[in-house]
Amino acid sequence: MELKVINEQGQEAAKLEASDILFAREFNEALVHQIVVAYQANGRAGNRKQKDRSEVKHTTTKPWRQKGTGRARAGSNGSPLWRGGGRIFPNSPEENFTQKVNKKMFRAGMASILSELARQDRLVVVEDIAVDAPKTKLFSQKLKNMGLEGNLLVVTDVLNENLYLSSRNLPNVLVLEAQEADPVSLVRFGKVVVTKSAVAKFEEMWG
C-alpha cells in the first residue's frame, strides 16, 4: 500500500510504502462500532446515585388506615409506587460500565478505521510537523500553507512541547502521540494528519 506524502506547501513530495494489513484492509463497520462503543463505555465513570425506599426521607406513619377507606392498601410514603418514593433498582456509584475488547479485535478495528481513512482520502501523511516557537499563529499558518482546514487530528510519534502548546487554542485541532490514538478521535475528525514516524509506530503497534 502506497501513501502519498505531502510537503509544507501541500504538494505531493514522495510515496510511502505502508503495510497492507493496516492501510488496505476491508472496512468492518460492525467491529468499528463495537470498539468505539467499548472505548466510550470504558471511559465512563460510575457517578450516578439514586435512593432506594430505605434512604428517602419520609414519615414512617401509615398514610391511612388499612381497611374501610375503599382505597388500596398503603404502608409508607416512601413506596416506589408513589411520587417521591425510592427507586426499586437504584443506580449506584459502584456501577461498572466497562466492556471487554480482545487485543486482536482492537487491532483489527483500528486497522479497519485507518484503511477507510486512506480510502476516503481523509488520511494525510507528512514528513514531519513542528513549529519553532509555542505560537498558535505559527501552527495555524503552517496548517493553512499545507491546505489543511476544518476538523483536524494531528498524530506524531513524539509530542513536541511547542507543537502541543501551539495547538491548544485551536478549537478544531487535536494533537496526539501515536500511542495515544484512539478509535473515537480517528472516526470523529474530518482529516487525520500523520507523520511518517507515526505511521511506523502504528505498524509496530497494530500491524
Protein backbone atom coordinates (compact mmCIF):
# COMPACT_ATOMS: atom_id res chain seq x y z
CA MET A 1 0.00 0.00 0.00
CA GLU A 2 1.44 3.35 -1.07
CA LEU A 3 0.53 6.50 0.86
CA LYS A 4 1.04 9.96 -0.56
CA VAL A 5 3.40 12.18 1.47
CA ILE A 6 2.91 15.94 1.19
CA ASN A 7 5.39 18.73 1.88
CA GLU A 8 4.89 22.03 3.74
CA GLN A 9 3.29 23.55 0.63
CA GLY A 10 0.66 20.83 0.49
CA GLN A 11 2.14 19.23 -2.65
CA GLU A 12 2.93 15.57 -3.11
CA ALA A 13 6.61 15.08 -2.31
CA ALA A 14 7.03 11.30 -2.14
CA LYS A 15 5.35 7.93 -1.70
CA LEU A 16 5.46 5.93 1.50
CA GLU A 17 5.27 2.13 1.35
CA ALA A 18 2.91 1.14 4.17
CA SER A 19 1.54 -2.12 5.48
CA ASP A 20 -1.41 -3.57 3.56
CA ILE A 21 -2.63 -5.18 6.79
CA LEU A 22 -3.03 -1.74 8.36
CA PHE A 23 -3.96 0.52 5.43
CA ALA A 24 -5.62 -1.74 2.84
CA ARG A 25 -8.00 -3.74 4.98
CA GLU A 26 -11.68 -4.24 4.17
CA PHE A 27 -13.93 -2.00 6.26
CA ASN A 28 -15.74 -3.85 9.04
CA GLU A 29 -18.47 -1.48 10.23
CA ALA A 30 -19.79 -3.78 12.97
CA LEU A 31 -16.32 -4.22 14.50
CA VAL A 32 -15.56 -0.49 14.34
CA HIS A 33 -18.88 0.27 16.03
CA GLN A 34 -18.09 -2.24 18.77
CA ILE A 35 -14.66 -0.84 19.63
CA VAL A 36 -15.91 2.77 19.52
CA VAL A 37 -18.78 1.98 21.92
CA ALA A 38 -16.46 -0.03 24.17
CA TYR A 39 -13.88 2.79 24.28
CA GLN A 40 -16.54 5.33 25.28
CA ALA A 41 -18.03 2.97 27.86
CA ASN A 42 -14.63 2.26 29.41
CA GLY A 43 -14.09 5.98 29.92
CA ARG A 44 -17.39 6.37 31.75
CA ALA A 45 -17.34 6.96 35.49
CA GLY A 46 -20.00 5.44 37.75
CA ASN A 47 -21.04 8.69 39.41
CA ARG A 48 -24.84 8.31 39.40
CA LYS A 49 -26.62 7.85 42.72
CA GLN A 50 -30.30 7.23 43.39
CA LYS A 51 -32.05 6.39 46.65
CA ASP A 52 -33.98 3.26 47.44
CA ARG A 53 -37.02 3.23 49.74
CA SER A 54 -34.86 2.93 52.86
CA GLU A 55 -32.91 6.10 52.02
CA VAL A 56 -35.67 8.55 51.05
CA LYS A 57 -36.73 10.91 53.82
CA HIS A 58 -40.43 10.37 54.56
CA THR A 59 -42.54 9.91 57.64
CA THR A 60 -42.96 6.33 58.78
CA THR A 61 -46.62 6.96 59.63
CA LYS A 62 -49.11 4.85 57.70
CA PRO A 63 -50.88 7.20 55.21
CA TRP A 64 -54.38 5.90 56.07
CA ARG A 65 -55.90 3.00 57.89
CA GLN A 66 -55.68 -0.46 56.41
CA LYS A 67 -59.40 -1.12 55.89
CA GLY A 68 -62.63 0.70 55.30
CA THR A 69 -61.49 3.60 53.08
CA GLY A 70 -62.06 1.87 49.75
CA ARG A 71 -58.54 2.81 48.70
CA ALA A 72 -55.65 0.50 48.02
CA ARG A 73 -53.56 -0.57 50.99
CA ALA A 74 -50.57 1.69 51.68
CA GLY A 75 -47.94 1.41 54.37
CA SER A 76 -45.37 4.08 53.56
CA ASN A 77 -45.00 7.38 51.68
CA GLY A 78 -41.59 6.14 50.52
CA SER A 79 -43.06 3.34 48.42
CA PRO A 80 -41.51 3.09 44.92
CA LEU A 81 -45.06 3.22 43.53
CA TRP A 82 -45.54 6.76 44.85
CA ARG A 83 -44.25 10.06 43.53
CA GLY A 84 -41.20 10.99 45.60
CA GLY A 85 -40.68 7.43 46.73
CA GLY A 86 -37.49 5.42 46.49
CA ARG A 87 -36.35 3.64 43.33
CA ILE A 88 -36.79 -0.14 43.10
CA PHE A 89 -33.39 -0.74 41.46
CA PRO A 90 -31.44 2.49 42.08
CA ASN A 91 -28.30 3.46 40.19
CA SER A 92 -25.17 3.11 42.29
CA PRO A 93 -21.75 4.84 42.15
CA GLU A 94 -20.18 1.38 42.12
CA GLU A 95 -21.82 0.56 38.78
CA ASN A 96 -19.30 -0.80 36.28
CA PHE A 97 -19.73 0.18 32.62
CA THR A 98 -16.56 -1.38 31.21
CA GLN A 99 -16.69 -3.61 28.16
CA LYS A 100 -14.00 -6.13 27.28
CA VAL A 101 -12.42 -5.98 23.84
CA ASN A 102 -9.80 -8.56 22.86
CA LYS A 103 -6.44 -7.24 21.64
CA LYS A 104 -6.88 -8.97 18.30
CA MET A 105 -10.28 -7.35 17.81
CA PHE A 106 -8.93 -3.91 18.77
CA ARG A 107 -6.01 -4.18 16.35
CA ALA A 108 -8.36 -5.29 13.55
CA GLY A 109 -10.76 -2.44 14.32
CA MET A 110 -8.02 0.21 14.29
CA ALA A 111 -6.67 -1.20 11.01
CA SER A 112 -10.17 -1.05 9.55
CA ILE A 113 -10.51 2.61 10.56
CA LEU A 114 -7.11 3.58 9.13
CA SER A 115 -7.85 1.73 5.89
CA GLU A 116 -11.16 3.52 5.47
CA LEU A 117 -9.50 6.88 6.17
CA ALA A 118 -6.93 6.17 3.46
CA ARG A 119 -9.69 5.01 1.06
CA GLN A 120 -11.66 8.23 1.60
CA ASP A 121 -8.57 10.47 1.26
CA ARG A 122 -9.02 11.61 4.86
CA LEU A 123 -5.56 10.37 5.85
CA VAL A 124 -2.74 12.84 5.18
CA VAL A 125 0.90 11.79 5.64
CA VAL A 126 3.59 14.43 6.20
CA GLU A 127 7.35 14.12 6.57
CA ASP A 128 7.26 15.92 9.90
CA ILE A 129 5.28 18.71 11.53
CA ALA A 130 6.86 21.10 14.01
CA VAL A 131 6.91 24.77 14.95
CA ASP A 132 9.88 26.83 16.09
CA ALA A 133 8.07 28.52 18.98
CA PRO A 134 4.93 27.87 21.05
CA LYS A 135 2.80 30.24 18.98
CA THR A 136 -0.72 29.37 17.85
CA LYS A 137 -0.35 31.72 14.88
CA LEU A 138 2.69 29.82 13.59
CA PHE A 139 0.98 26.45 13.77
CA SER A 140 -2.24 27.77 12.24
CA GLN A 141 -0.28 29.29 9.34
CA LYS A 142 1.63 26.03 8.80
CA LEU A 143 -1.64 24.09 8.51
CA LYS A 144 -3.05 26.70 6.13
CA ASN A 145 0.05 26.52 3.89
CA MET A 146 -0.41 22.74 3.70
CA GLY A 147 -4.04 23.17 2.65
CA LEU A 148 -5.36 21.58 5.84
CA GLU A 149 -8.56 23.10 7.19
CA GLY A 150 -11.59 22.05 9.21
CA ASN A 151 -11.55 19.41 11.95
CA LEU A 152 -8.01 18.02 12.16
CA LEU A 153 -6.40 15.27 14.20
CA VAL A 154 -2.60 15.52 14.14
CA VAL A 155 -0.70 12.39 15.17
CA THR A 156 3.05 12.44 15.79
CA ASP A 157 5.48 9.82 17.07
CA VAL A 158 6.63 12.02 19.97
CA LEU A 159 4.65 15.09 21.00
CA ASN A 160 6.84 18.17 20.87
CA GLU A 161 6.10 20.76 23.59
CA ASN A 162 6.00 23.64 21.12
CA LEU A 163 3.53 21.75 18.96
CA TYR A 164 1.33 20.90 21.94
CA LEU A 165 1.26 24.48 23.25
CA SER A 166 0.67 25.91 19.78
CA SER A 167 -2.35 23.71 19.15
CA ARG A 168 -4.21 24.18 22.45
CA ASN A 169 -6.11 27.30 21.39
CA LEU A 170 -7.27 25.90 18.05
CA PRO A 171 -10.82 24.62 18.73
CA ASN A 172 -10.97 22.17 15.82
CA VAL A 173 -7.45 20.71 16.12
CA LEU A 174 -6.25 17.92 18.41
CA VAL A 175 -2.62 16.79 18.61
CA LEU A 176 -1.84 13.31 19.95
CA GLU A 177 1.10 10.95 20.17
CA ALA A 178 0.74 7.78 18.12
CA GLN A 179 0.44 5.58 21.21
CA GLU A 180 -2.47 7.73 22.47
CA ALA A 181 -4.51 7.50 19.26
CA ASP A 182 -7.97 6.12 19.95
CA PRO A 183 -10.85 4.92 17.73
CA VAL A 184 -13.20 7.77 18.73
CA SER A 185 -10.74 10.51 17.69
CA LEU A 186 -9.84 8.75 14.42
CA VAL A 187 -13.52 8.48 13.49
CA ARG A 188 -14.61 11.92 14.74
CA PHE A 189 -12.20 14.20 12.86
CA GLY A 190 -12.62 15.09 9.22
CA LYS A 191 -8.93 14.67 8.37
CA VAL A 192 -6.16 12.81 10.16
CA VAL A 193 -2.63 14.19 9.66
CA VAL A 194 0.04 11.60 10.43
CA THR A 195 3.82 11.93 10.35
CA LYS A 196 5.94 9.23 8.71
CA SER A 197 7.36 8.20 12.09
CA ALA A 198 3.80 7.91 13.45
CA VAL A 199 2.90 5.59 10.57
CA ALA A 200 5.85 3.39 11.54
CA LYS A 201 4.62 3.46 15.14
CA PHE A 202 1.11 2.41 14.04
CA GLU A 203 2.60 -0.53 12.12
CA GLU A 204 4.61 -1.52 15.18
CA MET A 205 1.55 -1.40 17.47
CA TRP A 206 -1.23 -2.76 15.23
CA GLY A 207 0.39 -4.14 12.10
